Amino acid sequence: MAQAVYHYIKNYSNFGKIGIAYEAICNVIKETLKDVKNISVMKVNCETKEETFIVNIAIKVDYGVNVNQVTGVIQEKVETALVNMCEIGNPKINVRVDGIVVK
């Protein structure tokens, strides 16, 4: 069984420090993106580098969708969710389009 890796938040609500498992944060992100239309979330990965929280999201989009617009919506929704649910401020959110789905 793999060991959980945590992102630590200092001064959590002025009560000290808290650790949130990357897997739990990825699940929050996946749930947040369920209502975004015309995409399929393929993979979500989180990491912390030099005190910057980084989210990497791989998606597939439906043919004919404006990629710039949908990736902007994804970044906005993920940032809002991370700030509101996990108190992770100013995350770096990377969205990679892995494919186009033709129906």
Protein backbone atom coordinates (compact mmCIF):
# COMPACT_ATOMS: atom_id res chain seq x y z
CA MET A 1 0.00 0.00 0.00
CA ALA A 2 1.38 3.40 -0.99
CA GLN A 3 2.11 5.97 1.67
CA ALA A 4 -0.01 9.13 1.52
CA VAL A 5 1.76 12.38 0.67
CA TYR A 6 0.44 15.53 2.28
CA HIS A 7 0.26 19.24 1.54
CA TYR A 8 0.70 21.19 4.76
CA ILE A 9 -1.11 24.46 5.32
CA LYS A 10 0.50 26.74 7.88
CA ASN A 11 -1.66 28.86 10.18
CA TYR A 12 -4.84 26.99 9.22
CA SER A 13 -7.68 29.24 10.45
CA ASN A 14 -5.23 30.59 13.04
CA PHE A 15 -5.16 27.24 14.87
CA GLY A 16 -1.83 25.82 13.70
CA LYS A 17 -0.87 23.53 10.84
CA ILE A 18 -2.93 20.94 8.96
CA GLY A 19 -1.98 18.31 6.38
CA ILE A 20 -4.28 17.31 3.52
CA ALA A 21 -3.46 14.23 1.44
CA TYR A 22 -2.82 14.94 -2.24
CA GLU A 23 -5.25 12.15 -3.09
CA ALA A 24 -8.02 13.91 -1.15
CA ILE A 25 -7.26 17.20 -2.91
CA CYS A 26 -7.35 15.43 -6.29
CA ASN A 27 -10.76 13.99 -5.39
CA VAL A 28 -12.03 17.49 -4.54
CA ILE A 29 -10.83 18.69 -7.96
CA LYS A 30 -12.46 15.77 -9.80
CA GLU A 31 -15.78 16.41 -8.04
CA THR A 32 -15.54 20.11 -8.86
CA LEU A 33 -15.06 19.38 -12.57
CA LYS A 34 -17.97 16.93 -12.90
CA ASP A 35 -20.37 19.71 -13.91
CA VAL A 36 -18.11 21.20 -16.61
CA LYS A 37 -19.69 20.27 -19.94
CA ASN A 38 -17.92 18.93 -23.01
CA ILE A 39 -14.86 17.56 -21.19
CA SER A 40 -13.66 14.27 -19.74
CA VAL A 41 -11.13 14.43 -16.92
CA MET A 42 -8.42 11.87 -17.61
CA LYS A 43 -5.93 12.48 -14.80
CA VAL A 44 -5.36 14.87 -11.90
CA ASN A 45 -1.99 15.18 -10.17
CA CYS A 46 -0.97 17.49 -7.30
CA GLU A 47 2.42 18.44 -5.91
CA THR A 48 4.15 21.17 -3.92
CA LYS A 49 7.38 22.76 -5.15
CA GLU A 50 9.08 25.58 -3.26
CA GLU A 51 5.87 26.42 -1.35
CA THR A 52 3.83 26.62 -4.58
CA PHE A 53 0.91 24.22 -4.87
CA ILE A 54 0.76 22.84 -8.41
CA VAL A 55 -2.20 21.04 -10.00
CA ASN A 56 -1.82 19.19 -13.32
CA ILE A 57 -5.07 18.23 -15.04
CA ALA A 58 -5.28 16.15 -18.23
CA ILE A 59 -8.59 16.34 -20.13
CA LYS A 60 -10.25 15.35 -23.37
CA VAL A 61 -12.59 17.86 -24.99
CA ASP A 62 -15.50 17.35 -27.35
CA TYR A 63 -14.97 18.36 -30.96
CA GLY A 64 -15.93 21.97 -31.65
CA VAL A 65 -15.37 23.23 -28.09
CA ASN A 66 -13.40 26.45 -27.59
CA VAL A 67 -10.35 25.08 -25.77
CA ASN A 68 -9.21 28.45 -24.37
CA GLN A 69 -12.62 29.11 -22.88
CA VAL A 70 -13.08 25.66 -21.32
CA THR A 71 -9.56 25.60 -19.83
CA GLY A 72 -10.18 29.05 -18.33
CA VAL A 73 -13.40 27.78 -16.74
CA ILE A 74 -11.53 24.76 -15.36
CA GLN A 75 -8.78 26.90 -13.86
CA GLU A 76 -11.30 29.26 -12.27
CA LYS A 77 -13.42 26.45 -10.76
CA VAL A 78 -10.40 24.57 -9.42
CA GLU A 79 -8.86 27.68 -7.86
CA THR A 80 -12.17 28.60 -6.18
CA ALA A 81 -12.59 25.05 -4.84
CA LEU A 82 -9.04 24.90 -3.47
CA VAL A 83 -9.35 28.26 -1.74
CA ASN A 84 -12.81 27.58 -0.28
CA MET A 85 -12.46 23.91 0.69
CA CYS A 86 -8.77 23.47 1.43
CA GLU A 87 -7.54 27.01 2.17
CA ILE A 88 -4.86 26.63 -0.51
CA GLY A 89 -4.20 30.11 -1.82
CA ASN A 90 -2.71 31.05 -5.20
CA PRO A 91 -2.30 27.58 -6.71
CA LYS A 92 -0.67 27.06 -10.12
CA ILE A 93 -3.15 25.15 -12.30
CA ASN A 94 -1.95 23.50 -15.51
CA VAL A 95 -4.53 22.06 -17.92
CA ARG A 96 -3.35 19.76 -20.70
CA VAL A 97 -5.63 18.67 -23.54
CA ASP A 98 -4.83 15.01 -24.25
CA GLY A 99 -7.33 14.50 -27.01
CA ILE A 100 -10.46 15.49 -28.86
CA VAL A 101 -13.60 13.37 -28.75
CA VAL A 102 -15.51 13.22 -32.02
CA LYS A 103 -19.12 12.12 -31.59
